[in-house]
Amino acid sequence: TRRQLIKNGGQLGVLAAAVQVTPSWALSAQNGVN
């Protein structure tokens, strides 16, 4: 989820080259970006 993506940024910085990150885009209606 978006919050997890932000929270786990440290791990993703290391894993980015090895895995494909696919966010769920489960967003609040406030920003409307899904």
PDB file of all heavy atoms in Angstrom:
ATOM      1  N   THR A   1       0.851  -1.177   0.000  1.00  0.00           N
ATOM      2  CA  THR A   1       0.000   0.000   0.000  1.00  0.00           C
ATOM      3  C   THR A   1       0.887   1.227   0.000  1.00  0.00           C
ATOM      4  O   THR A   1       2.087   1.150   0.223  1.00  0.00           O
ATOM      5  CB  THR A   1      -0.895   0.045   1.256  1.00  0.00           C
ATOM      6  OG1 THR A   1      -0.065   0.218   2.399  1.00  0.00           O
ATOM      7  CG2 THR A   1      -1.707  -1.224   1.391  1.00  0.00           C
ATOM      8  N   ARG A   2       0.278   2.392  -0.249  1.00  0.00           N
ATOM      9  CA  ARG A   2       1.061   3.621  -0.295  1.00  0.00           C
ATOM     10  C   ARG A   2       1.798   3.873   1.017  1.00  0.00           C
ATOM     11  O   ARG A   2       2.966   4.218   1.031  1.00  0.00           O
ATOM     12  CB  ARG A   2       0.122   4.788  -0.617  1.00  0.00           C
ATOM     13  CG  ARG A   2       0.816   6.118  -0.756  1.00  0.00           C
ATOM     14  CD  ARG A   2      -0.171   7.185  -1.139  1.00  0.00           C
ATOM     15  NE  ARG A   2      -0.875   6.811  -2.342  1.00  0.00           N
ATOM     16  CZ  ARG A   2      -0.393   7.008  -3.565  1.00  0.00           C
ATOM     17  NH1 ARG A   2       0.771   7.546  -3.726  1.00  0.00           N
ATOM     18  NH2 ARG A   2      -1.091   6.641  -4.622  1.00  0.00           N
ATOM     19  N   ARG A   3       1.107   3.724   2.147  1.00  0.00           N
ATOM     20  CA  ARG A   3       1.771   3.990   3.422  1.00  0.00           C
ATOM     21  C   ARG A   3       2.921   3.022   3.655  1.00  0.00           C
ATOM     22  O   ARG A   3       3.964   3.384   4.170  1.00  0.00           O
ATOM     23  CB  ARG A   3       0.754   3.904   4.567  1.00  0.00           C
ATOM     24  CG  ARG A   3      -0.225   5.068   4.619  1.00  0.00           C
ATOM     25  CD  ARG A   3      -0.999   5.083   5.925  1.00  0.00           C
ATOM     26  NE  ARG A   3      -1.896   6.221   5.985  1.00  0.00           N
ATOM     27  CZ  ARG A   3      -3.152   6.199   5.560  1.00  0.00           C
ATOM     28  NH1 ARG A   3      -3.640   5.107   5.028  1.00  0.00           N
ATOM     29  NH2 ARG A   3      -3.910   7.282   5.646  1.00  0.00           N
ATOM     30  N   GLN A   4       2.725   1.746   3.253  1.00  0.00           N
ATOM     31  CA  GLN A   4       3.803   0.778   3.411  1.00  0.00           C
ATOM     32  C   GLN A   4       4.980   1.132   2.527  1.00  0.00           C
ATOM     33  O   GLN A   4       6.138   0.963   2.904  1.00  0.00           O
ATOM     34  CB  GLN A   4       3.290  -0.627   3.069  1.00  0.00           C
ATOM     35  CG  GLN A   4       2.351  -1.219   4.112  1.00  0.00           C
ATOM     36  CD  GLN A   4       1.723  -2.512   3.619  1.00  0.00           C
ATOM     37  OE1 GLN A   4       1.453  -2.663   2.437  1.00  0.00           O
ATOM     38  NE2 GLN A   4       1.502  -3.429   4.527  1.00  0.00           N
ATOM     39  N   LEU A   5       4.679   1.646   1.315  1.00  0.00           N
ATOM     40  CA  LEU A   5       5.747   2.003   0.398  1.00  0.00           C
ATOM     41  C   LEU A   5       6.625   3.091   0.996  1.00  0.00           C
ATOM     42  O   LEU A   5       7.847   3.057   0.907  1.00  0.00           O
ATOM     43  CB  LEU A   5       5.143   2.475  -0.927  1.00  0.00           C
ATOM     44  CG  LEU A   5       6.085   2.634  -2.114  1.00  0.00           C
ATOM     45  CD1 LEU A   5       6.665   1.278  -2.488  1.00  0.00           C
ATOM     46  CD2 LEU A   5       5.358   3.230  -3.289  1.00  0.00           C
ATOM     47  N   ILE A   6       5.980   4.077   1.645  1.00  0.00           N
ATOM     48  CA  ILE A   6       6.740   5.149   2.278  1.00  0.00           C
ATOM     49  C   ILE A   6       7.495   4.617   3.487  1.00  0.00           C
ATOM     50  O   ILE A   6       8.679   4.878   3.678  1.00  0.00           O
ATOM     51  CB  ILE A   6       5.791   6.295   2.690  1.00  0.00           C
ATOM     52  CG1 ILE A   6       5.131   6.900   1.444  1.00  0.00           C
ATOM     53  CG2 ILE A   6       6.528   7.354   3.473  1.00  0.00           C
ATOM     54  CD1 ILE A   6       4.037   7.886   1.764  1.00  0.00           C
ATOM     55  N   LYS A   7       6.805   3.820   4.314  1.00  0.00           N
ATOM     56  CA  LYS A   7       7.398   3.305   5.538  1.00  0.00           C
ATOM     57  C   LYS A   7       8.589   2.403   5.245  1.00  0.00           C
ATOM     58  O   LYS A   7       9.611   2.435   5.941  1.00  0.00           O
ATOM     59  CB  LYS A   7       6.347   2.536   6.335  1.00  0.00           C
ATOM     60  CG  LYS A   7       6.865   1.961   7.647  1.00  0.00           C
ATOM     61  CD  LYS A   7       5.744   1.239   8.371  1.00  0.00           C
ATOM     62  CE  LYS A   7       6.257   0.619   9.683  1.00  0.00           C
ATOM     63  NZ  LYS A   7       5.174  -0.108  10.378  1.00  0.00           N
ATOM     64  N   ASN A   8       8.474   1.577   4.209  1.00  0.00           N
ATOM     65  CA  ASN A   8       9.505   0.593   3.919  1.00  0.00           C
ATOM     66  C   ASN A   8      10.514   1.077   2.883  1.00  0.00           C
ATOM     67  O   ASN A   8      11.218   0.281   2.285  1.00  0.00           O
ATOM     68  CB  ASN A   8       8.868  -0.704   3.403  1.00  0.00           C
ATOM     69  CG  ASN A   8       8.020  -1.372   4.464  1.00  0.00           C
ATOM     70  OD1 ASN A   8       8.293  -1.242   5.646  1.00  0.00           O
ATOM     71  ND2 ASN A   8       6.985  -2.082   4.030  1.00  0.00           N
ATOM     72  N   GLY A   9      10.581   2.411   2.713  1.00  0.00           N
ATOM     73  CA  GLY A   9      11.470   2.955   1.697  1.00  0.00           C
ATOM     74  C   GLY A   9      12.897   2.493   1.843  1.00  0.00           C
ATOM     75  O   GLY A   9      13.609   2.277   0.874  1.00  0.00           O
ATOM     76  N   GLY A  10      13.366   2.314   3.075  1.00  0.00           N
ATOM     77  CA  GLY A  10      14.744   1.908   3.285  1.00  0.00           C
ATOM     78  C   GLY A  10      15.019   0.552   2.679  1.00  0.00           C
ATOM     79  O   GLY A  10      16.044   0.324   2.043  1.00  0.00           O
ATOM     80  N   GLN A  11      14.093  -0.370   2.844  1.00  0.00           N
ATOM     81  CA  GLN A  11      14.269  -1.690   2.271  1.00  0.00           C
ATOM     82  C   GLN A  11      14.179  -1.631   0.752  1.00  0.00           C
ATOM     83  O   GLN A  11      14.944  -2.275   0.049  1.00  0.00           O
ATOM     84  CB  GLN A  11      13.205  -2.639   2.818  1.00  0.00           C
ATOM     85  CG  GLN A  11      13.316  -2.870   4.320  1.00  0.00           C
ATOM     86  CD  GLN A  11      12.173  -3.731   4.840  1.00  0.00           C
ATOM     87  OE1 GLN A  11      11.308  -4.134   4.075  1.00  0.00           O
ATOM     88  NE2 GLN A  11      12.192  -3.997   6.125  1.00  0.00           N
ATOM     89  N   LEU A  12      13.249  -0.812   0.252  1.00  0.00           N
ATOM     90  CA  LEU A  12      13.066  -0.762  -1.192  1.00  0.00           C
ATOM     91  C   LEU A  12      14.278  -0.172  -1.887  1.00  0.00           C
ATOM     92  O   LEU A  12      14.588  -0.538  -3.015  1.00  0.00           O
ATOM     93  CB  LEU A  12      11.817   0.066  -1.531  1.00  0.00           C
ATOM     94  CG  LEU A  12      10.498  -0.582  -1.112  1.00  0.00           C
ATOM     95  CD1 LEU A  12       9.359   0.375  -1.365  1.00  0.00           C
ATOM     96  CD2 LEU A  12      10.280  -1.874  -1.868  1.00  0.00           C
ATOM     97  N   GLY A  13      14.968   0.757  -1.216  1.00  0.00           N
ATOM     98  CA  GLY A  13      16.163   1.330  -1.810  1.00  0.00           C
ATOM     99  C   GLY A  13      17.197   0.266  -2.091  1.00  0.00           C
ATOM    100  O   GLY A  13      17.952   0.341  -3.057  1.00  0.00           O
ATOM    101  N   VAL A  14      17.232  -0.778  -1.264  1.00  0.00           N
ATOM    102  CA  VAL A  14      18.178  -1.866  -1.447  1.00  0.00           C
ATOM    103  C   VAL A  14      17.638  -2.898  -2.419  1.00  0.00           C
ATOM    104  O   VAL A  14      18.355  -3.454  -3.250  1.00  0.00           O
ATOM    105  CB  VAL A  14      18.479  -2.544  -0.084  1.00  0.00           C
ATOM    106  CG1 VAL A  14      19.397  -3.729  -0.280  1.00  0.00           C
ATOM    107  CG2 VAL A  14      19.095  -1.542   0.871  1.00  0.00           C
ATOM    108  N   LEU A  15      16.310  -3.123  -2.367  1.00  0.00           N
ATOM    109  CA  LEU A  15      15.722  -4.200  -3.146  1.00  0.00           C
ATOM    110  C   LEU A  15      15.332  -3.787  -4.558  1.00  0.00           C
ATOM    111  O   LEU A  15      15.006  -4.636  -5.377  1.00  0.00           O
ATOM    112  CB  LEU A  15      14.464  -4.731  -2.438  1.00  0.00           C
ATOM    113  CG  LEU A  15      14.674  -5.339  -1.043  1.00  0.00           C
ATOM    114  CD1 LEU A  15      13.330  -5.730  -0.456  1.00  0.00           C
ATOM    115  CD2 LEU A  15      15.584  -6.555  -1.116  1.00  0.00           C
ATOM    116  N   ALA A  16      15.378  -2.466  -4.836  1.00  0.00           N
ATOM    117  CA  ALA A  16      14.849  -1.983  -6.111  1.00  0.00           C
ATOM    118  C   ALA A  16      15.457  -2.691  -7.306  1.00  0.00           C
ATOM    119  O   ALA A  16      14.779  -2.959  -8.299  1.00  0.00           O
ATOM    120  CB  ALA A  16      15.071  -0.474  -6.243  1.00  0.00           C
ATOM    121  N   ALA A  17      16.750  -2.979  -7.224  1.00  0.00           N
ATOM    122  CA  ALA A  17      17.410  -3.597  -8.364  1.00  0.00           C
ATOM    123  C   ALA A  17      17.030  -5.060  -8.519  1.00  0.00           C
ATOM    124  O   ALA A  17      17.158  -5.644  -9.589  1.00  0.00           O
ATOM    125  CB  ALA A  17      18.926  -3.485  -8.211  1.00  0.00           C
ATOM    126  N   ALA A  18      16.544  -5.677  -7.433  1.00  0.00           N
ATOM    127  CA  ALA A  18      16.298  -7.113  -7.462  1.00  0.00           C
ATOM    128  C   ALA A  18      14.837  -7.471  -7.670  1.00  0.00           C
ATOM    129  O   ALA A  18      14.526  -8.542  -8.167  1.00  0.00           O
ATOM    130  CB  ALA A  18      16.787  -7.744  -6.156  1.00  0.00           C
ATOM    131  N   VAL A  19      13.914  -6.584  -7.301  1.00  0.00           N
ATOM    132  CA  VAL A  19      12.513  -6.924  -7.389  1.00  0.00           C
ATOM    133  C   VAL A  19      11.749  -5.821  -8.089  1.00  0.00           C
ATOM    134  O   VAL A  19      12.178  -4.686  -8.164  1.00  0.00           O
ATOM    135  CB  VAL A  19      11.894  -7.146  -5.983  1.00  0.00           C
ATOM    136  CG1 VAL A  19      12.610  -8.244  -5.258  1.00  0.00           C
ATOM    137  CG2 VAL A  19      11.902  -5.864  -5.164  1.00  0.00           C
ATOM    138  N   GLN A  20      10.602  -6.163  -8.576  1.00  0.00           N
ATOM    139  CA  GLN A  20       9.707  -5.182  -9.186  1.00  0.00           C
ATOM    140  C   GLN A  20       8.677  -4.771  -8.158  1.00  0.00           C
ATOM    141  O   GLN A  20       7.924  -5.587  -7.654  1.00  0.00           O
ATOM    142  CB  GLN A  20       9.012  -5.790 -10.410  1.00  0.00           C
ATOM    143  CG  GLN A  20       8.044  -4.822 -11.081  1.00  0.00           C
ATOM    144  CD  GLN A  20       7.353  -5.466 -12.260  1.00  0.00           C
ATOM    145  OE1 GLN A  20       7.673  -6.584 -12.622  1.00  0.00           O
ATOM    146  NE2 GLN A  20       6.395  -4.748 -12.829  1.00  0.00           N
ATOM    147  N   VAL A  21       8.650  -3.486  -7.842  1.00  0.00           N
ATOM    148  CA  VAL A  21       7.723  -2.994  -6.840  1.00  0.00           C
ATOM    149  C   VAL A  21       6.401  -2.640  -7.512  1.00  0.00           C
ATOM    150  O   VAL A  21       6.353  -1.843  -8.436  1.00  0.00           O
ATOM    151  CB  VAL A  21       8.309  -1.753  -6.129  1.00  0.00           C
ATOM    152  CG1 VAL A  21       7.332  -1.230  -5.112  1.00  0.00           C
ATOM    153  CG2 VAL A  21       9.630  -2.107  -5.482  1.00  0.00           C
ATOM    154  N   THR A  22       5.315  -3.223  -7.068  1.00  0.00           N
ATOM    155  CA  THR A  22       3.997  -2.986  -7.653  1.00  0.00           C
ATOM    156  C   THR A  22       3.064  -2.450  -6.589  1.00  0.00           C
ATOM    157  O   THR A  22       2.493  -3.211  -5.813  1.00  0.00           O
ATOM    158  CB  THR A  22       3.419  -4.277  -8.240  1.00  0.00           C
ATOM    159  OG1 THR A  22       4.389  -4.863  -9.117  1.00  0.00           O
ATOM    160  CG2 THR A  22       2.133  -3.991  -9.004  1.00  0.00           C
ATOM    161  N   PRO A  23       2.916  -1.126  -6.473  1.00  0.00           N
ATOM    162  CA  PRO A  23       2.042  -0.571  -5.449  1.00  0.00           C
ATOM    163  C   PRO A  23       0.591  -0.910  -5.735  1.00  0.00           C
ATOM    164  O   PRO A  23       0.172  -1.058  -6.885  1.00  0.00           O
ATOM    165  CB  PRO A  23       2.295   0.935  -5.542  1.00  0.00           C
ATOM    166  CG  PRO A  23       2.784   1.157  -6.922  1.00  0.00           C
ATOM    167  CD  PRO A  23       3.542  -0.074  -7.316  1.00  0.00           C
ATOM    168  N   SER A  24      -0.211  -1.029  -4.699  1.00  0.00           N
ATOM    169  CA  SER A  24      -1.624  -1.360  -4.872  1.00  0.00           C
ATOM    170  C   SER A  24      -2.453  -0.140  -5.226  1.00  0.00           C
ATOM    171  O   SER A  24      -3.583  -0.263  -5.673  1.00  0.00           O
ATOM    172  CB  SER A  24      -2.168  -1.962  -3.573  1.00  0.00           C
ATOM    173  OG  SER A  24      -2.194  -0.983  -2.561  1.00  0.00           O
ATOM    174  N   TRP A  25      -1.907   1.062  -5.005  1.00  0.00           N
ATOM    175  CA  TRP A  25      -2.612   2.301  -5.275  1.00  0.00           C
ATOM    176  C   TRP A  25      -3.941   2.367  -4.530  1.00  0.00           C
ATOM    177  O   TRP A  25      -4.946   2.859  -5.050  1.00  0.00           O
ATOM    178  CB  TRP A  25      -2.839   2.493  -6.783  1.00  0.00           C
ATOM    179  CG  TRP A  25      -1.561   2.553  -7.528  1.00  0.00           C
ATOM    180  CD1 TRP A  25      -0.927   1.529  -8.164  1.00  0.00           C
ATOM    181  CD2 TRP A  25      -0.718   3.689  -7.687  1.00  0.00           C
ATOM    182  NE1 TRP A  25       0.251   1.957  -8.713  1.00  0.00           N
ATOM    183  CE2 TRP A  25       0.402   3.289  -8.435  1.00  0.00           C
ATOM    184  CE3 TRP A  25      -0.784   5.019  -7.266  1.00  0.00           C
ATOM    185  CZ2 TRP A  25       1.436   4.137  -8.766  1.00  0.00           C
ATOM    186  CZ3 TRP A  25       0.244   5.868  -7.609  1.00  0.00           C
ATOM    187  CH2 TRP A  25       1.337   5.436  -8.334  1.00  0.00           C
ATOM    188  N   ALA A  26      -3.935   1.810  -3.302  1.00  0.00           N
ATOM    189  CA  ALA A  26      -5.127   1.913  -2.453  1.00  0.00           C
ATOM    190  C   ALA A  26      -5.095   3.276  -1.785  1.00  0.00           C
ATOM    191  O   ALA A  26      -4.491   3.470  -0.740  1.00  0.00           O
ATOM    192  CB  ALA A  26      -5.123   0.808  -1.408  1.00  0.00           C
ATOM    193  N   LEU A  27      -5.727   4.236  -2.405  1.00  0.00           N
ATOM    194  CA  LEU A  27      -5.599   5.623  -1.969  1.00  0.00           C
ATOM    195  C   LEU A  27      -6.877   6.147  -1.345  1.00  0.00           C
ATOM    196  O   LEU A  27      -7.964   5.663  -1.611  1.00  0.00           O
ATOM    197  CB  LEU A  27      -5.269   6.520  -3.171  1.00  0.00           C
ATOM    198  CG  LEU A  27      -4.015   6.126  -3.951  1.00  0.00           C
ATOM    199  CD1 LEU A  27      -3.893   7.011  -5.155  1.00  0.00           C
ATOM    200  CD2 LEU A  27      -2.805   6.244  -3.074  1.00  0.00           C
ATOM    201  N   SER A  28      -6.716   7.188  -0.568  1.00  0.00           N
ATOM    202  CA  SER A  28      -7.888   7.877  -0.041  1.00  0.00           C
ATOM    203  C   SER A  28      -8.539   8.668  -1.164  1.00  0.00           C
ATOM    204  O   SER A  28      -7.917   8.989  -2.163  1.00  0.00           O
ATOM    205  CB  SER A  28      -7.465   8.835   1.071  1.00  0.00           C
ATOM    206  OG  SER A  28      -6.694   9.887   0.544  1.00  0.00           O
ATOM    207  N   ALA A  29      -9.801   8.990  -0.996  1.00  0.00           N
ATOM    208  CA  ALA A  29     -10.510   9.737  -2.041  1.00  0.00           C
ATOM    209  C   ALA A  29     -10.048  11.186  -2.105  1.00  0.00           C
ATOM    210  O   ALA A  29     -10.375  11.898  -3.034  1.00  0.00           O
ATOM    211  CB  ALA A  29     -12.010   9.680  -1.766  1.00  0.00           C
ATOM    212  N   GLN A  30      -9.272  11.599  -1.118  1.00  0.00           N
ATOM    213  CA  GLN A  30      -8.897  13.008  -1.037  1.00  0.00           C
ATOM    214  C   GLN A  30      -8.004  13.437  -2.188  1.00  0.00           C
ATOM    215  O   GLN A  30      -8.163  14.514  -2.734  1.00  0.00           O
ATOM    216  CB  GLN A  30      -8.209  13.295   0.298  1.00  0.00           C
ATOM    217  CG  GLN A  30      -9.161  13.244   1.482  1.00  0.00           C
ATOM    218  CD  GLN A  30      -8.454  13.599   2.762  1.00  0.00           C
ATOM    219  OE1 GLN A  30      -7.251  13.446   2.886  1.00  0.00           O
ATOM    220  NE2 GLN A  30      -9.207  14.068   3.727  1.00  0.00           N
ATOM    221  N   ASN A  31      -7.015  12.596  -2.571  1.00  0.00           N
ATOM    222  CA  ASN A  31      -6.160  13.042  -3.663  1.00  0.00           C
ATOM    223  C   ASN A  31      -6.562  12.436  -4.994  1.00  0.00           C
ATOM    224  O   ASN A  31      -6.104  12.878  -6.033  1.00  0.00           O
ATOM    225  CB  ASN A  31      -4.673  12.769  -3.360  1.00  0.00           C
ATOM    226  CG  ASN A  31      -4.335  11.297  -3.259  1.00  0.00           C
ATOM    227  OD1 ASN A  31      -4.844  10.503  -4.035  1.00  0.00           O
ATOM    228  ND2 ASN A  31      -3.485  10.933  -2.320  1.00  0.00           N
ATOM    229  N   GLY A  32      -7.421  11.414  -4.996  1.00  0.00           N
ATOM    230  CA  GLY A  32      -8.003  10.911  -6.228  1.00  0.00           C
ATOM    231  C   GLY A  32      -7.043  10.271  -7.195  1.00  0.00           C
ATOM    232  O   GLY A  32      -7.368  10.078  -8.360  1.00  0.00           O
ATOM    233  N   VAL A  33      -5.836   9.936  -6.763  1.00  0.00           N
ATOM    234  CA  VAL A  33      -4.858   9.308  -7.637  1.00  0.00           C
ATOM    235  C   VAL A  33      -4.838   7.824  -7.330  1.00  0.00           C
ATOM    236  O   VAL A  33      -4.443   7.411  -6.251  1.00  0.00           O
ATOM    237  CB  VAL A  33      -3.454   9.916  -7.427  1.00  0.00           C
ATOM    238  CG1 VAL A  33      -2.449   9.236  -8.332  1.00  0.00           C
ATOM    239  CG2 VAL A  33      -3.483  11.404  -7.682  1.00  0.00           C
ATOM    240  N   ASN A  34      -5.274   7.006  -8.271  1.00  0.00           N
ATOM    241  CA  ASN A  34      -5.326   5.575  -7.989  1.00  0.00           C
ATOM    242  C   ASN A  34      -4.595   4.732  -9.016  1.00  0.00           C
ATOM    243  O   ASN A  34      -4.826   3.542  -9.137  1.00  0.00           O
ATOM    244  CB  ASN A  34      -6.777   5.098  -7.863  1.00  0.00           C
ATOM    245  CG  ASN A  34      -7.609   5.472  -9.077  1.00  0.00           C
ATOM    246  OD1 ASN A  34      -7.064   5.657 -10.170  1.00  0.00           O
ATOM    247  ND2 ASN A  34      -8.909   5.606  -8.883  1.00  0.00           N
TER     248      ASN A  34
END
